Amino acid sequence: MIKRAAVSALIGLMALGTGAFADEGKDESGKGKQRSEERKQHGGNSSYFHQHGYTRIPNGHLPPPGECRVWYPDRPAGHQPPPFKCGQGRGRVEPGGWLISPGSRSQEVEVAVYDARRPGIVIDVGIFDARTGSMIRIVGTK
């Protein structure tokens, strides 16, 4: 009788302990639970802008009409390069920077996001409202 109670208690403890070894960041399929939840939250959109929460460009920091600007989202506004004439800056975008240029419509700007580790590689492109800085749509890489 004591042996049976001890075995039952041991099995019960083992069943309780198995949850401690589960990986909180993974679901039953072994895939990342957090990523799946983020995709659902953003309607399945896995764009750079949604992943990093950049759906606006700070007010007052868009380039003047007809000009371009390089923007580094990890730098304060006062430490950003000044606007310049378009066509002079593509080679000046450091990894992780954004190139903000006039869009196809006068009220839009195009934002090309450069990869943080691979210089010169554009990983995402978004269209923003030139008046408000709000995101209009994601067009992806070209």
Protein backbone atom coordinates (compact mmCIF):
# COMPACT_ATOMS: atom_id res chain seq x y z
CA MET A 1 0.00 0.00 0.00
CA ILE A 2 2.77 2.45 0.88
CA LYS A 3 4.65 1.47 -2.27
CA ARG A 4 1.59 2.20 -4.43
CA ALA A 5 1.08 5.63 -2.74
CA ALA A 6 4.77 6.49 -3.24
CA VAL A 7 4.63 5.55 -6.93
CA SER A 8 1.43 7.57 -7.39
CA ALA A 9 2.99 10.57 -5.66
CA LEU A 10 6.14 10.27 -7.80
CA ILE A 11 4.08 10.12 -11.01
CA GLY A 12 2.06 13.15 -9.86
CA LEU A 13 5.23 15.13 -9.13
CA MET A 14 6.70 14.20 -12.50
CA ALA A 15 3.54 15.36 -14.26
CA LEU A 16 3.65 18.70 -12.45
CA GLY A 17 7.34 19.19 -13.18
CA THR A 18 7.16 18.72 -16.95
CA GLY A 19 5.64 22.18 -17.42
CA ALA A 20 8.77 23.74 -15.94
CA PHE A 21 10.80 22.51 -18.89
CA ALA A 22 8.44 23.89 -21.55
CA ASP A 23 9.76 26.79 -23.65
CA GLU A 24 7.43 29.75 -23.04
CA GLY A 25 8.40 31.31 -26.36
CA LYS A 26 7.17 28.35 -28.40
CA ASP A 27 3.76 26.93 -29.13
CA GLU A 28 2.87 23.26 -29.60
CA SER A 29 4.32 23.20 -33.12
CA GLY A 30 7.70 24.36 -31.81
CA LYS A 31 7.38 27.69 -33.60
CA GLY A 32 7.64 31.04 -31.86
CA LYS A 33 4.40 31.88 -30.13
CA GLN A 34 5.23 35.58 -29.82
CA ARG A 35 5.86 36.02 -33.55
CA SER A 36 2.59 34.29 -34.36
CA GLU A 37 0.73 36.59 -31.98
CA GLU A 38 2.45 39.67 -33.48
CA ARG A 39 1.46 38.60 -37.00
CA LYS A 40 -2.16 38.23 -35.89
CA GLN A 41 -2.04 41.62 -34.18
CA HIS A 42 -0.88 43.33 -37.39
CA GLY A 43 -3.25 41.45 -39.69
CA GLY A 44 -0.53 39.02 -40.79
CA ASN A 45 1.73 41.89 -41.89
CA SER A 46 5.37 41.21 -41.12
CA SER A 47 6.77 44.43 -42.62
CA TYR A 48 9.72 46.16 -40.99
CA PHE A 49 7.50 49.12 -40.07
CA HIS A 50 4.94 47.00 -38.23
CA GLN A 51 7.53 44.80 -36.53
CA HIS A 52 9.29 47.86 -35.11
CA GLY A 53 6.21 49.97 -34.49
CA TYR A 54 7.17 52.67 -37.00
CA THR A 55 3.88 53.68 -38.56
CA ARG A 56 4.63 57.42 -38.36
CA ILE A 57 7.55 59.69 -39.16
CA PRO A 58 7.96 62.34 -36.42
CA ASN A 59 6.18 65.60 -37.22
CA GLY A 60 8.46 68.29 -38.59
CA HIS A 61 11.13 65.85 -39.77
CA LEU A 62 9.95 65.08 -43.28
CA PRO A 63 12.14 66.64 -45.98
CA PRO A 64 10.86 69.76 -47.76
CA PRO A 65 8.93 69.12 -51.00
CA GLY A 66 11.27 67.91 -53.76
CA GLU A 67 14.09 67.03 -51.36
CA CYS A 68 15.24 63.80 -49.70
CA ARG A 69 16.42 62.95 -46.23
CA VAL A 70 18.29 60.14 -44.56
CA TRP A 71 16.73 59.22 -41.21
CA TYR A 72 18.13 56.90 -38.53
CA PRO A 73 15.31 55.67 -36.27
CA ASP A 74 17.71 54.91 -33.41
CA ARG A 75 19.02 58.50 -33.24
CA PRO A 76 17.35 61.53 -31.64
CA ALA A 77 15.85 64.10 -34.02
CA GLY A 78 18.64 66.60 -33.32
CA HIS A 79 21.28 64.11 -34.49
CA GLN A 80 19.78 63.42 -37.93
CA PRO A 81 21.48 64.47 -41.19
CA PRO A 82 19.90 67.49 -42.90
CA PRO A 83 17.71 67.19 -46.03
CA PHE A 84 19.46 67.29 -49.42
CA LYS A 85 18.70 67.38 -53.14
CA CYS A 86 17.54 63.96 -54.24
CA GLY A 87 20.02 61.94 -56.27
CA GLN A 88 22.95 62.95 -54.06
CA GLY A 89 22.27 60.64 -51.15
CA ARG A 90 21.69 56.99 -51.99
CA GLY A 91 25.34 56.17 -51.32
CA ARG A 92 25.23 58.05 -48.03
CA VAL A 93 22.67 55.84 -46.27
CA GLU A 94 24.40 53.89 -43.52
CA PRO A 95 23.13 50.41 -42.57
CA GLY A 96 19.88 50.66 -40.62
CA GLY A 97 18.98 54.04 -42.10
CA TRP A 98 15.91 55.14 -44.00
CA LEU A 99 15.95 57.10 -47.24
CA ILE A 100 12.93 59.41 -47.37
CA SER A 101 12.22 60.65 -50.89
CA PRO A 102 9.27 62.17 -52.80
CA GLY A 103 6.55 59.64 -53.62
CA SER A 104 4.69 59.11 -56.87
CA ARG A 105 1.99 61.55 -55.67
CA SER A 106 2.72 65.03 -54.37
CA GLN A 107 1.18 64.32 -50.95
CA GLU A 108 3.28 61.17 -50.40
CA VAL A 109 6.85 60.30 -49.44
CA GLU A 110 8.54 56.96 -50.01
CA VAL A 111 10.62 55.48 -47.21
CA ALA A 112 13.23 52.85 -48.13
CA VAL A 113 14.61 50.93 -45.13
CA TYR A 114 18.22 49.76 -45.42
CA ASP A 115 19.34 46.52 -43.75
CA ALA A 116 21.20 47.04 -40.47
CA ARG A 117 23.91 44.47 -41.31
CA ARG A 118 24.20 44.51 -45.11
CA PRO A 119 25.16 47.93 -46.53
CA GLY A 120 23.17 49.07 -49.55
CA ILE A 121 20.42 46.44 -49.23
CA VAL A 122 16.83 47.76 -49.04
CA ILE A 123 14.66 45.44 -46.93
CA ASP A 124 11.31 47.27 -47.00
CA VAL A 125 9.58 50.26 -48.58
CA GLY A 126 6.61 52.17 -47.22
CA ILE A 127 4.54 55.10 -48.41
CA PHE A 128 3.75 57.84 -45.88
CA ASP A 129 1.53 60.93 -45.98
CA ALA A 130 3.81 63.96 -46.56
CA ARG A 131 1.57 66.22 -44.47
CA THR A 132 1.04 64.09 -41.36
CA GLY A 133 3.84 61.51 -41.45
CA SER A 134 1.27 58.68 -41.10
CA MET A 135 1.75 55.42 -42.96
CA ILE A 136 -0.44 54.95 -46.02
CA ARG A 137 0.71 51.52 -47.24
CA ILE A 138 3.58 49.06 -47.45
CA VAL A 139 4.88 48.41 -50.95
CA GLY A 140 7.79 46.15 -49.98
CA THR A 141 11.11 45.96 -51.78
CA LYS A 142 11.28 46.69 -55.45
